Protein backbone atom coordinates (compact mmCIF):
# COMPACT_ATOMS: atom_id res chain seq x y z
CA MET A 1 -15.16 -22.31 47.79
CA GLU A 2 -18.19 -23.74 46.07
CA THR A 3 -21.44 -21.83 46.31
CA LYS A 4 -24.82 -23.38 45.68
CA LEU A 5 -27.45 -21.10 44.21
CA ASP A 6 -31.07 -21.32 45.25
CA ILE A 7 -33.88 -21.38 42.68
CA LYS A 8 -34.63 -17.67 43.18
CA THR A 9 -31.06 -16.68 42.36
CA LYS A 10 -30.91 -19.03 39.37
CA PHE A 11 -34.15 -17.53 38.04
CA ALA A 12 -32.88 -13.97 38.53
CA ILE A 13 -29.62 -14.69 36.72
CA GLY A 14 -31.40 -16.57 33.93
CA SER A 15 -33.96 -13.83 33.40
CA ALA A 16 -31.22 -11.17 33.38
CA VAL A 17 -29.30 -13.09 30.71
CA VAL A 18 -32.47 -13.55 28.63
CA ALA A 19 -33.35 -9.84 28.97
CA PHE A 20 -29.82 -8.83 28.01
CA LEU A 21 -29.79 -11.06 24.93
CA ALA A 22 -33.33 -10.10 23.91
CA GLY A 23 -32.53 -6.41 24.19
CA TRP A 24 -29.50 -6.73 21.97
CA GLY A 25 -31.34 -9.05 19.59
CA LEU A 26 -34.16 -6.54 19.13
CA THR A 27 -31.65 -3.74 18.60
CA ILE A 28 -29.80 -5.68 15.92
CA ALA A 29 -33.10 -6.68 14.30
CA GLY A 30 -34.06 -3.00 14.27
CA PHE A 31 -31.35 -2.36 11.70
CA PHE A 32 -32.95 -4.76 9.22
CA ILE A 33 -36.60 -3.71 9.58
CA THR A 34 -37.83 -0.86 7.40
CA PRO A 35 -36.66 1.84 7.35
CA LYS A 36 -33.38 -0.01 7.11
CA GLY A 37 -30.51 1.30 9.19
CA GLU A 38 -32.76 3.28 11.53
CA VAL A 39 -33.56 1.92 14.97
CA HIS A 40 -36.83 3.11 16.48
CA ASP A 41 -36.80 4.83 19.87
CA SER A 42 -38.91 2.08 21.43
CA VAL A 43 -36.27 -0.52 20.55
CA LEU A 44 -33.58 1.58 22.19
CA TRP A 45 -35.81 2.04 25.24
CA ILE A 46 -36.23 -1.73 25.52
CA LEU A 47 -32.45 -2.18 25.23
CA GLY A 48 -31.94 0.38 27.98
CA GLN A 49 -34.42 -1.37 30.27
CA ALA A 50 -32.82 -4.76 29.58
CA LEU A 51 -29.36 -3.40 30.37
CA ILE A 52 -30.58 -1.75 33.57
CA TYR A 53 -32.29 -4.96 34.70
CA ALA A 54 -29.25 -7.12 33.95
CA ALA A 55 -26.93 -4.66 35.67
CA SER A 56 -29.15 -4.52 38.74
CA VAL A 57 -29.35 -8.30 39.04
CA PHE A 58 -25.63 -8.85 38.61
CA GLY A 59 -24.52 -5.71 40.44
CA VAL A 60 -26.67 -6.23 43.53
CA GLY A 61 -25.78 -9.90 43.69
CA MET A 62 -22.06 -9.25 43.48
CA TYR A 63 -22.25 -6.42 46.01
CA ILE A 64 -24.10 -8.56 48.54
CA SER A 65 -21.71 -11.45 47.98
CA SER A 66 -18.72 -9.17 48.47
CA GLU A 67 -20.14 -7.64 51.64
CA MET A 68 -21.01 -11.05 53.08
CA THR A 69 -17.45 -12.24 52.43
CA LYS A 70 -16.08 -9.16 54.20
CA LEU A 71 -18.44 -9.71 57.14
CA ARG A 72 -17.44 -13.36 57.47
CA THR A 73 -13.75 -12.44 57.38
CA GLU A 74 -14.18 -9.72 60.01
CA ASN A 75 -16.17 -12.06 62.25
CA ARG A 76 -13.58 -14.81 61.91
CA ARG A 77 -10.76 -12.38 62.81
CA PHE A 78 -12.73 -11.04 65.78
CA ILE A 79 -13.41 -14.55 67.09
CA GLU A 80 -9.78 -15.60 66.65
CA ARG A 81 -8.54 -12.43 68.39
CA THR A 82 -11.00 -12.93 71.25
CA ILE A 83 -9.89 -16.54 71.70
CA ARG A 84 -6.22 -15.50 71.73
CA GLU A 85 -6.93 -12.80 74.34
CA LYS A 86 -8.83 -15.28 76.54
CA GLU A 87 -6.00 -17.80 76.26
CA ALA A 88 -3.45 -15.10 77.14
CA GLU A 89 -5.51 -14.10 80.20
CA GLN A 90 -5.70 -17.74 81.31
CA ASP A 91 -1.94 -18.18 80.87
CA GLU A 92 -1.29 -15.14 83.07
CA ASP A 93 -3.44 -16.61 85.87
């Protein structure tokens, strides 16, 4: 099943990836800026925010996708069951 992403979803995923990489990049750079080996609290705060943003974009997207798949499956089963019941009723008549 191929899914096509709209521009809003592509932007959200792209920005989450950029935030994730930037957060980790700043954290790693924090080890090399004086005082060496000590990462400032603000860098860790930015990393935390980047991780939360990336997790929310990917987590919400996957949850919605999963729920939509479940809904489609349930609807398909309901429709098929209803059709079978109608056909059985018509066969009895």
